[in-house]
Amino acid sequence: MISKQKGGWLKNGNRTGDPHSASRCGAKTRRGSACQAPGMANGRCRLHGGKSTGPRTAEGLERCRRANWKHGFYGRRALAERHQLDEFRRNTAELLEGLTKGSRPTTDTKALPQGD
């Protein structure tokens, strides 16, 4: 049975009722006037709900910490790996250059990284 209130049934658990009778948001718009969208429980509309007040629980704080975590290309481990690879390339280029010229290489071959 459909409610006799204006608006009928709503989806996602929203209450039925007349949105025109709801309180207004009132936030200042770019035009300079007050926002006329219906307000939520906090008094603002869905677009002007306000800034986040931050995490409330330990789990939320951990999620925020992990969201700002450096990883991938700029992570500490990746940087160290790239520096090691660059050094290996320089040593290899120097070794090859020495072999092509027919002279002895200046690089100590014992210092080169060994395959695991």
N, C-alpha and C. Protein backbone atom coordinates (compact mmCIF):
# COMPACT_ATOMS: atom_id res chain seq x y z
N MET A 1 0.85 -1.18 0.00
CA MET A 1 0.00 0.00 0.00
C MET A 1 0.89 1.24 0.00
N ILE A 2 0.59 2.18 -0.85
CA ILE A 2 1.38 3.40 -0.98
C ILE A 2 0.90 4.43 0.03
N SER A 3 1.86 5.13 0.63
CA SER A 3 1.54 6.16 1.62
C SER A 3 0.77 7.29 0.96
N LYS A 4 -0.08 7.93 1.73
CA LYS A 4 -0.85 9.05 1.21
C LYS A 4 -0.05 10.33 1.20
N GLN A 5 1.16 10.29 1.78
CA GLN A 5 2.00 11.48 1.76
C GLN A 5 2.51 11.72 0.35
N LYS A 6 2.75 12.94 0.04
CA LYS A 6 3.27 13.29 -1.28
C LYS A 6 4.69 12.72 -1.44
N GLY A 7 4.95 12.09 -2.56
CA GLY A 7 6.28 11.57 -2.83
C GLY A 7 6.33 10.07 -2.94
N GLY A 8 5.48 9.31 -2.29
CA GLY A 8 5.45 7.86 -2.41
C GLY A 8 6.66 7.19 -1.77
N TRP A 9 6.90 5.94 -2.18
CA TRP A 9 7.98 5.14 -1.62
C TRP A 9 9.32 5.58 -2.19
N LEU A 10 10.34 5.57 -1.34
CA LEU A 10 11.69 5.94 -1.77
C LEU A 10 12.61 4.74 -1.68
N LYS A 11 13.68 4.76 -2.40
CA LYS A 11 14.64 3.67 -2.42
C LYS A 11 15.71 3.88 -1.35
N ASN A 12 16.46 2.81 -1.09
CA ASN A 12 17.63 2.84 -0.19
C ASN A 12 17.31 3.23 1.24
N GLY A 13 16.14 2.91 1.70
CA GLY A 13 15.79 3.15 3.10
C GLY A 13 15.51 4.59 3.45
N ASN A 14 15.36 5.46 2.48
CA ASN A 14 15.05 6.86 2.77
C ASN A 14 13.60 6.99 3.19
N ARG A 15 13.33 7.95 4.05
CA ARG A 15 11.98 8.15 4.55
C ARG A 15 11.10 8.81 3.50
N THR A 16 9.83 8.47 3.55
CA THR A 16 8.90 9.11 2.64
C THR A 16 8.53 10.48 3.19
N GLY A 17 7.97 11.27 2.36
CA GLY A 17 7.55 12.58 2.82
C GLY A 17 7.72 13.62 1.73
N ASP A 18 7.34 14.82 2.05
CA ASP A 18 7.41 15.92 1.10
C ASP A 18 8.76 16.63 1.25
N PRO A 19 9.63 16.56 0.24
CA PRO A 19 10.94 17.22 0.36
C PRO A 19 10.83 18.73 0.43
N HIS A 20 9.69 19.26 0.01
CA HIS A 20 9.52 20.71 0.06
C HIS A 20 9.33 21.23 1.48
N SER A 21 8.92 20.34 2.38
CA SER A 21 8.69 20.76 3.76
C SER A 21 9.95 20.59 4.63
N ALA A 22 11.02 20.02 4.07
CA ALA A 22 12.26 19.81 4.82
C ALA A 22 12.97 21.15 5.04
N SER A 23 13.80 21.18 6.06
CA SER A 23 14.59 22.39 6.30
C SER A 23 15.60 22.54 5.16
N ARG A 24 16.02 23.75 4.90
CA ARG A 24 16.92 24.05 3.79
C ARG A 24 18.36 24.09 4.27
N CYS A 25 19.28 23.83 3.37
CA CYS A 25 20.70 23.77 3.68
C CYS A 25 21.21 25.13 4.18
N GLY A 26 21.06 26.16 3.37
CA GLY A 26 21.46 27.49 3.78
C GLY A 26 22.92 27.84 3.58
N ALA A 27 23.72 26.91 3.04
CA ALA A 27 25.13 27.21 2.79
C ALA A 27 25.25 28.27 1.71
N LYS A 28 26.29 29.08 1.79
CA LYS A 28 26.49 30.15 0.80
C LYS A 28 26.94 29.54 -0.52
N THR A 29 26.24 29.86 -1.59
CA THR A 29 26.59 29.34 -2.91
C THR A 29 27.55 30.28 -3.61
N ARG A 30 28.00 29.90 -4.81
CA ARG A 30 28.91 30.75 -5.57
C ARG A 30 28.21 32.03 -6.02
N ARG A 31 26.91 31.96 -6.12
CA ARG A 31 26.13 33.15 -6.48
C ARG A 31 26.04 34.14 -5.33
N GLY A 32 26.30 33.63 -4.12
CA GLY A 32 26.22 34.49 -2.95
C GLY A 32 24.93 34.30 -2.16
N SER A 33 23.99 33.56 -2.72
CA SER A 33 22.72 33.32 -2.03
C SER A 33 22.82 32.02 -1.24
N ALA A 34 21.79 31.73 -0.45
CA ALA A 34 21.76 30.52 0.36
C ALA A 34 21.32 29.33 -0.48
N CYS A 35 21.92 28.17 -0.22
CA CYS A 35 21.56 26.93 -0.91
C CYS A 35 20.14 26.55 -0.51
N GLN A 36 19.33 26.17 -1.49
CA GLN A 36 17.92 25.85 -1.23
C GLN A 36 17.65 24.34 -1.23
N ALA A 37 18.69 23.51 -1.26
CA ALA A 37 18.50 22.06 -1.25
C ALA A 37 18.02 21.62 0.13
N PRO A 38 17.24 20.52 0.20
CA PRO A 38 16.78 20.04 1.50
C PRO A 38 17.95 19.58 2.36
N GLY A 39 17.91 19.92 3.63
CA GLY A 39 19.00 19.59 4.53
C GLY A 39 18.88 18.20 5.12
N MET A 40 20.02 17.62 5.51
CA MET A 40 20.07 16.31 6.16
C MET A 40 19.99 16.54 7.67
N ALA A 41 20.29 15.49 8.43
CA ALA A 41 20.22 15.58 9.89
C ALA A 41 21.21 16.60 10.45
N ASN A 42 22.35 16.79 9.77
CA ASN A 42 23.33 17.75 10.26
C ASN A 42 23.01 19.19 9.84
N GLY A 43 21.92 19.38 9.09
CA GLY A 43 21.50 20.71 8.70
C GLY A 43 21.96 21.14 7.33
N ARG A 44 22.89 20.42 6.73
CA ARG A 44 23.40 20.77 5.40
C ARG A 44 22.91 19.75 4.38
N CYS A 45 22.95 20.14 3.11
CA CYS A 45 22.52 19.22 2.05
C CYS A 45 23.64 18.23 1.75
N ARG A 46 23.39 17.31 0.85
CA ARG A 46 24.39 16.29 0.53
C ARG A 46 25.62 16.88 -0.14
N LEU A 47 25.49 18.04 -0.75
CA LEU A 47 26.63 18.68 -1.41
C LEU A 47 27.44 19.54 -0.44
N HIS A 48 26.81 20.06 0.59
CA HIS A 48 27.49 20.95 1.53
C HIS A 48 27.58 20.33 2.93
N GLY A 49 27.79 19.03 2.99
CA GLY A 49 27.78 18.30 4.25
C GLY A 49 28.85 18.71 5.24
N GLY A 50 29.85 19.39 4.80
CA GLY A 50 30.91 19.84 5.70
C GLY A 50 32.16 18.99 5.59
N LYS A 51 33.24 19.48 6.15
CA LYS A 51 34.51 18.78 6.11
C LYS A 51 34.47 17.58 7.04
N SER A 52 35.34 16.61 6.76
CA SER A 52 35.45 15.43 7.60
C SER A 52 36.02 15.83 8.95
N THR A 53 35.56 15.17 9.99
CA THR A 53 36.07 15.45 11.34
C THR A 53 37.19 14.49 11.71
N GLY A 54 37.61 13.67 10.77
CA GLY A 54 38.73 12.76 11.01
C GLY A 54 38.28 11.42 11.55
N PRO A 55 39.24 10.49 11.68
CA PRO A 55 38.90 9.16 12.15
C PRO A 55 38.48 9.18 13.62
N ARG A 56 37.51 8.33 13.94
CA ARG A 56 36.99 8.25 15.31
C ARG A 56 37.50 7.02 16.05
N THR A 57 37.92 6.00 15.30
CA THR A 57 38.35 4.74 15.92
C THR A 57 39.80 4.45 15.57
N ALA A 58 40.35 3.46 16.24
CA ALA A 58 41.73 3.05 15.95
C ALA A 58 41.82 2.47 14.54
N GLU A 59 40.78 1.75 14.12
CA GLU A 59 40.78 1.19 12.77
C GLU A 59 40.76 2.30 11.72
N GLY A 60 39.97 3.35 11.97
CA GLY A 60 39.90 4.48 11.05
C GLY A 60 41.23 5.22 10.97
N LEU A 61 41.89 5.37 12.09
CA LEU A 61 43.19 6.03 12.13
C LEU A 61 44.22 5.21 11.34
N GLU A 62 44.15 3.88 11.48
CA GLU A 62 45.07 3.01 10.74
C GLU A 62 44.81 3.11 9.24
N ARG A 63 43.54 3.20 8.83
CA ARG A 63 43.22 3.35 7.41
C ARG A 63 43.77 4.66 6.87
N CYS A 64 43.68 5.74 7.64
CA CYS A 64 44.22 7.03 7.21
C CYS A 64 45.74 6.98 7.09
N ARG A 65 46.38 6.31 8.03
CA ARG A 65 47.83 6.19 8.00
C ARG A 65 48.28 5.41 6.77
N ARG A 66 47.59 4.32 6.46
CA ARG A 66 47.96 3.49 5.31
C ARG A 66 47.64 4.19 3.99
N ALA A 67 46.65 5.07 3.98
CA ALA A 67 46.29 5.78 2.75
C ALA A 67 47.40 6.75 2.34
N ASN A 68 48.18 7.24 3.30
CA ASN A 68 49.26 8.18 3.02
C ASN A 68 50.61 7.49 2.92
N TRP A 69 50.61 6.18 2.91
CA TRP A 69 51.83 5.38 2.91
C TRP A 69 52.50 5.45 1.55
N LYS A 70 53.80 5.71 1.52
CA LYS A 70 54.55 5.75 0.28
C LYS A 70 54.84 4.31 -0.15
N HIS A 71 54.57 4.03 -1.40
CA HIS A 71 54.79 2.69 -1.91
C HIS A 71 55.10 2.77 -3.39
N GLY A 72 55.41 1.66 -3.98
CA GLY A 72 55.64 1.63 -5.42
C GLY A 72 56.95 2.28 -5.81
N PHE A 73 56.91 3.15 -6.79
CA PHE A 73 58.11 3.71 -7.40
C PHE A 73 58.96 4.52 -6.42
N TYR A 74 58.35 5.20 -5.46
CA TYR A 74 59.09 6.07 -4.55
C TYR A 74 59.30 5.46 -3.17
N GLY A 75 58.95 4.21 -2.99
CA GLY A 75 59.16 3.55 -1.70
C GLY A 75 60.63 3.35 -1.41
N ARG A 76 60.97 3.19 -0.15
CA ARG A 76 62.36 3.04 0.27
C ARG A 76 63.00 1.81 -0.37
N ARG A 77 62.27 0.71 -0.40
CA ARG A 77 62.79 -0.53 -0.96
C ARG A 77 63.03 -0.39 -2.47
N ALA A 78 62.09 0.22 -3.17
CA ALA A 78 62.22 0.38 -4.62
C ALA A 78 63.38 1.31 -4.96
N LEU A 79 63.56 2.39 -4.19
CA LEU A 79 64.68 3.30 -4.43
C LEU A 79 66.02 2.59 -4.24
N ALA A 80 66.13 1.80 -3.18
CA ALA A 80 67.38 1.07 -2.92
C ALA A 80 67.66 0.07 -4.04
N GLU A 81 66.61 -0.58 -4.52
CA GLU A 81 66.77 -1.54 -5.61
C GLU A 81 67.22 -0.85 -6.89
N ARG A 82 66.65 0.31 -7.19
CA ARG A 82 67.05 1.05 -8.39
C ARG A 82 68.48 1.54 -8.29
N HIS A 83 68.90 2.01 -7.10
CA HIS A 83 70.28 2.46 -6.93
C HIS A 83 71.25 1.30 -7.12
N GLN A 84 70.90 0.13 -6.60
CA GLN A 84 71.75 -1.03 -6.76
C GLN A 84 71.83 -1.43 -8.24
N LEU A 85 70.71 -1.38 -8.95
CA LEU A 85 70.68 -1.71 -10.37
C LEU A 85 71.50 -0.71 -11.19
N ASP A 86 71.40 0.58 -10.84
CA ASP A 86 72.20 1.60 -11.54
C ASP A 86 73.69 1.35 -11.35
N GLU A 87 74.09 1.00 -10.13
CA GLU A 87 75.50 0.72 -9.86
C GLU A 87 75.96 -0.50 -10.65
N PHE A 88 75.11 -1.51 -10.72
CA PHE A 88 75.44 -2.71 -11.48
C PHE A 88 75.61 -2.38 -12.97
N ARG A 89 74.73 -1.53 -13.51
CA ARG A 89 74.84 -1.13 -14.92
C ARG A 89 76.13 -0.36 -15.19
N ARG A 90 76.49 0.55 -14.27
CA ARG A 90 77.73 1.30 -14.44
C ARG A 90 78.94 0.37 -14.42
N ASN A 91 78.96 -0.56 -13.47
CA ASN A 91 80.07 -1.49 -13.37
C ASN A 91 80.15 -2.38 -14.61
N THR A 92 79.00 -2.83 -15.11
CA THR A 92 78.98 -3.68 -16.30
C THR A 92 79.46 -2.91 -17.52
N ALA A 93 79.02 -1.66 -17.68
CA ALA A 93 79.45 -0.84 -18.82
C ALA A 93 80.95 -0.62 -18.77
N GLU A 94 81.48 -0.37 -17.59
CA GLU A 94 82.92 -0.15 -17.44
C GLU A 94 83.69 -1.43 -17.75
N LEU A 95 83.18 -2.55 -17.33
CA LEU A 95 83.81 -3.84 -17.60
C LEU A 95 83.82 -4.14 -19.10
N LEU A 96 82.70 -3.93 -19.76
CA LEU A 96 82.61 -4.16 -21.20
C LEU A 96 83.51 -3.21 -21.99
N GLU A 97 83.57 -1.97 -21.54
CA GLU A 97 84.44 -1.00 -22.20
C GLU A 97 85.89 -1.42 -22.09
N GLY A 98 86.27 -1.93 -20.93
CA GLY A 98 87.64 -2.41 -20.73
C GLY A 98 87.94 -3.63 -21.58
N LEU A 99 86.97 -4.52 -21.75
CA LEU A 99 87.18 -5.71 -22.57
C LEU A 99 87.28 -5.38 -24.06
N THR A 100 86.50 -4.41 -24.51
CA THR A 100 86.54 -4.05 -25.93
C THR A 100 87.82 -3.31 -26.28
N LYS A 101 88.42 -2.60 -25.34
CA LYS A 101 89.67 -1.88 -25.60
C LYS A 101 90.87 -2.81 -25.47
N GLY A 102 90.67 -3.98 -24.93
CA GLY A 102 91.76 -4.94 -24.79
C GLY A 102 92.58 -4.73 -23.53
N SER A 103 92.19 -3.81 -22.67
CA SER A 103 92.94 -3.60 -21.44
C SER A 103 92.23 -4.31 -20.29
N ARG A 104 92.88 -4.34 -19.18
CA ARG A 104 92.29 -4.98 -18.00
C ARG A 104 91.25 -4.04 -17.39
N PRO A 105 90.13 -4.58 -16.91
CA PRO A 105 89.09 -3.72 -16.31
C PRO A 105 89.56 -3.12 -15.00
N THR A 106 89.08 -1.91 -14.73
CA THR A 106 89.43 -1.25 -13.48
C THR A 106 88.48 -1.62 -12.35
N THR A 107 87.40 -2.28 -12.70
CA THR A 107 86.41 -2.67 -11.70
C THR A 107 86.80 -4.00 -11.07
N ASP A 108 86.70 -4.07 -9.78
CA ASP A 108 86.95 -5.33 -9.08
C ASP A 108 85.76 -6.24 -9.33
N THR A 109 85.97 -7.34 -10.04
CA THR A 109 84.85 -8.23 -10.40
C THR A 109 84.28 -8.94 -9.20
N LYS A 110 85.03 -9.04 -8.10
CA LYS A 110 84.52 -9.68 -6.90
C LYS A 110 83.48 -8.81 -6.20
N ALA A 111 83.51 -7.50 -6.46
CA ALA A 111 82.57 -6.58 -5.82
C ALA A 111 81.22 -6.55 -6.53
N LEU A 112 81.15 -7.14 -7.76
CA LEU A 112 79.89 -7.14 -8.49
C LEU A 112 78.89 -8.05 -7.79
N PRO A 113 77.61 -7.68 -7.83
CA PRO A 113 76.60 -8.53 -7.16
C PRO A 113 76.50 -9.89 -7.83
N GLN A 114 76.37 -10.91 -7.04
CA GLN A 114 76.25 -12.28 -7.53
C GLN A 114 74.77 -12.65 -7.62
N GLY A 115 74.39 -13.44 -8.59
CA GLY A 115 73.00 -13.89 -8.73
C GLY A 115 72.64 -14.84 -7.61
N ASP A 116 71.40 -14.73 -7.12
CA ASP A 116 70.94 -15.61 -6.02
C ASP A 116 70.31 -16.85 -6.57
